[in-house]
Amino acid sequence: MSFASECISNFTEIITKKYCQFSGRARRREFWMYTLTVWVISFIISLIDKLLHLQIDVPNGQDIGILSVILSLALLLPGLALDVRRLHDIGKEWYWLFIVLIPIAGPIWLLVLDCKEGDRFDNSFGPDPKAEPAFVPGDNPPAV
């Protein structure tokens, strides 16, 4: 499976099967593949907004794309849910998301937390998503 198709399948799994799943844990790979896919889709949608002149002028001089706003609203809940599961992977509660409200340092600190490796073993939020399934007698042993 190529990297692009893996990113797309990860994205579709998150927005369909895990849309509002705030429980459990999410690996760094899952988080960053989703984030990369959202960035690419957002870039393409903003280009479409500009090419089709689907923008609204706002008083501060910026233009807001209609399709970009719809995309942002549609991806708000899965993004929050994924970030909460990412925080769970490092043993933090959901309310650590509020750290982004601290100017400048808050978003940087959340980025550091999102980059941090998850807990190696089970924690209070669930089993390690990286853990290999246990060998059950009678099953074929894992290939080495």
Protein backbone atom coordinates (compact mmCIF):
# COMPACT_ATOMS: atom_id res chain seq x y z
CA MET A 1 0.00 0.00 0.00
CA SER A 2 1.45 3.37 -0.98
CA PHE A 3 1.77 6.20 1.52
CA ALA A 4 -0.91 8.29 -0.21
CA SER A 5 -3.45 5.46 -0.23
CA GLU A 6 -2.62 4.68 3.40
CA CYS A 7 -3.23 8.34 4.32
CA ILE A 8 -6.55 8.35 2.50
CA SER A 9 -7.72 5.08 4.06
CA ASN A 10 -6.70 6.38 7.52
CA PHE A 11 -8.63 9.62 6.86
CA THR A 12 -11.77 7.81 5.70
CA GLU A 13 -11.64 5.46 8.69
CA ILE A 14 -11.44 8.41 11.08
CA ILE A 15 -14.28 10.38 9.50
CA THR A 16 -16.55 7.34 9.14
CA LYS A 17 -15.86 4.80 11.89
CA LYS A 18 -14.27 7.09 14.51
CA TYR A 19 -16.12 10.36 13.78
CA CYS A 20 -16.90 11.24 17.41
CA GLN A 21 -14.96 8.53 19.23
CA PHE A 22 -13.34 10.34 22.15
CA SER A 23 -12.40 7.17 24.03
CA GLY A 24 -9.37 5.02 23.42
CA ARG A 25 -5.93 5.89 22.14
CA ALA A 26 -4.47 7.07 18.83
CA ARG A 27 -0.93 6.47 17.62
CA ARG A 28 1.26 9.28 16.35
CA ARG A 29 1.12 7.79 12.86
CA GLU A 30 -2.68 7.86 12.80
CA PHE A 31 -2.71 11.46 14.05
CA TRP A 32 -0.10 12.83 11.62
CA MET A 33 -1.45 10.95 8.59
CA TYR A 34 -4.89 12.45 9.28
CA THR A 35 -3.36 15.90 9.79
CA LEU A 36 -1.39 15.71 6.54
CA THR A 37 -4.48 14.59 4.63
CA VAL A 38 -6.55 17.43 6.10
CA TRP A 39 -3.86 19.96 5.12
CA VAL A 40 -3.80 18.68 1.54
CA ILE A 41 -7.61 18.64 1.27
CA SER A 42 -7.81 22.14 2.81
CA PHE A 43 -5.27 23.45 0.31
CA ILE A 44 -7.21 21.97 -2.62
CA ILE A 45 -10.54 23.31 -1.29
CA SER A 46 -9.08 26.79 -0.79
CA LEU A 47 -7.82 26.74 -4.40
CA ILE A 48 -11.30 25.76 -5.57
CA ASP A 49 -12.75 28.62 -3.47
CA LYS A 50 -10.39 31.08 -5.15
CA LEU A 51 -10.86 29.74 -8.68
CA LEU A 52 -14.66 29.72 -8.45
CA HIS A 53 -14.77 33.03 -6.50
CA LEU A 54 -16.64 31.38 -3.63
CA GLN A 55 -15.30 33.84 -1.09
CA ILE A 56 -16.93 36.26 1.28
CA ASP A 57 -15.23 39.57 2.11
CA VAL A 58 -14.98 40.24 5.82
CA PRO A 59 -14.25 43.61 7.46
CA ASN A 60 -10.62 42.83 8.40
CA GLY A 61 -9.61 42.52 4.74
CA GLN A 62 -9.43 38.73 4.63
CA ASP A 63 -11.49 36.59 2.30
CA ILE A 64 -13.23 33.52 3.71
CA GLY A 65 -13.94 30.64 1.35
CA ILE A 66 -17.39 29.11 1.64
CA LEU A 67 -16.19 25.57 0.90
CA SER A 68 -13.31 26.02 3.36
CA VAL A 69 -15.74 26.97 6.13
CA ILE A 70 -17.94 23.95 5.36
CA LEU A 71 -14.89 21.65 5.39
CA SER A 72 -13.65 23.12 8.69
CA LEU A 73 -17.02 22.60 10.34
CA ALA A 74 -17.31 19.06 8.99
CA LEU A 75 -13.84 18.10 10.27
CA LEU A 76 -14.06 19.86 13.65
CA LEU A 77 -15.42 16.91 15.66
CA PRO A 78 -13.24 14.17 14.15
CA GLY A 79 -10.18 16.39 14.64
CA LEU A 80 -11.03 17.06 18.27
CA ALA A 81 -11.78 13.38 18.89
CA LEU A 82 -8.48 12.35 17.31
CA ASP A 83 -6.52 14.88 19.37
CA VAL A 84 -8.23 13.68 22.56
CA ARG A 85 -7.31 10.07 21.69
CA ARG A 86 -3.75 11.24 20.94
CA LEU A 87 -3.59 12.84 24.40
CA HIS A 88 -4.95 9.62 25.90
CA ASP A 89 -2.05 7.75 24.27
CA ILE A 90 0.41 9.78 26.34
CA GLY A 91 -1.68 9.47 29.51
CA LYS A 92 -3.27 12.94 29.48
CA GLU A 93 -6.93 13.82 29.99
CA TRP A 94 -9.08 15.60 27.38
CA TYR A 95 -8.92 18.97 29.12
CA TRP A 96 -5.26 19.32 28.08
CA LEU A 97 -6.68 20.60 24.77
CA PHE A 98 -7.44 23.88 26.54
CA ILE A 99 -3.71 24.55 26.66
CA VAL A 100 -4.04 26.05 23.17
CA LEU A 101 -5.83 29.01 24.74
CA ILE A 102 -2.52 30.21 26.19
CA PRO A 103 -1.13 32.65 23.61
CA ILE A 104 1.92 31.47 21.63
CA ALA A 105 3.16 28.86 24.12
CA GLY A 106 -0.10 26.87 24.25
CA PRO A 107 -0.23 25.70 20.64
CA ILE A 108 3.49 24.96 20.73
CA TRP A 109 3.07 22.86 23.88
CA LEU A 110 0.15 20.92 22.34
CA LEU A 111 2.33 20.28 19.29
CA VAL A 112 5.04 18.91 21.60
CA LEU A 113 2.48 16.66 23.29
CA ASP A 114 1.19 15.44 19.92
CA CYS A 115 4.76 14.56 18.88
CA LYS A 116 5.51 12.68 22.09
CA GLU A 117 5.66 8.88 21.96
CA GLY A 118 2.70 7.14 23.57
CA ASP A 119 2.81 5.05 26.72
CA ARG A 120 4.43 1.69 26.01
CA PHE A 121 1.92 -0.39 27.92
CA ASP A 122 -1.77 -0.24 28.78
CA ASN A 123 -2.80 2.94 30.55
CA SER A 124 -6.09 4.11 32.05
CA PHE A 125 -7.41 4.94 28.56
CA GLY A 126 -6.91 1.54 27.00
CA PRO A 127 -4.39 -0.90 25.59
CA ASP A 128 -1.28 0.19 23.72
CA PRO A 129 -2.27 0.63 20.04
CA LYS A 130 1.26 -0.42 19.02
CA ALA A 131 1.15 -3.66 21.01
CA GLU A 132 1.35 -6.88 19.07
CA PRO A 133 -1.57 -9.24 19.60
CA ALA A 134 -0.77 -11.95 22.11
CA PHE A 135 -0.01 -15.41 20.76
CA VAL A 136 -2.83 -17.83 21.48
CA PRO A 137 -1.92 -21.55 21.48
CA GLY A 138 -3.35 -23.24 18.41
CA ASP A 139 -2.93 -20.14 16.23
CA ASN A 140 -0.13 -19.83 13.75
CA PRO A 141 2.90 -18.28 15.44
CA PRO A 142 3.84 -14.77 14.30
CA ALA A 143 6.42 -14.63 11.49
CA VAL A 144 9.88 -13.61 12.59
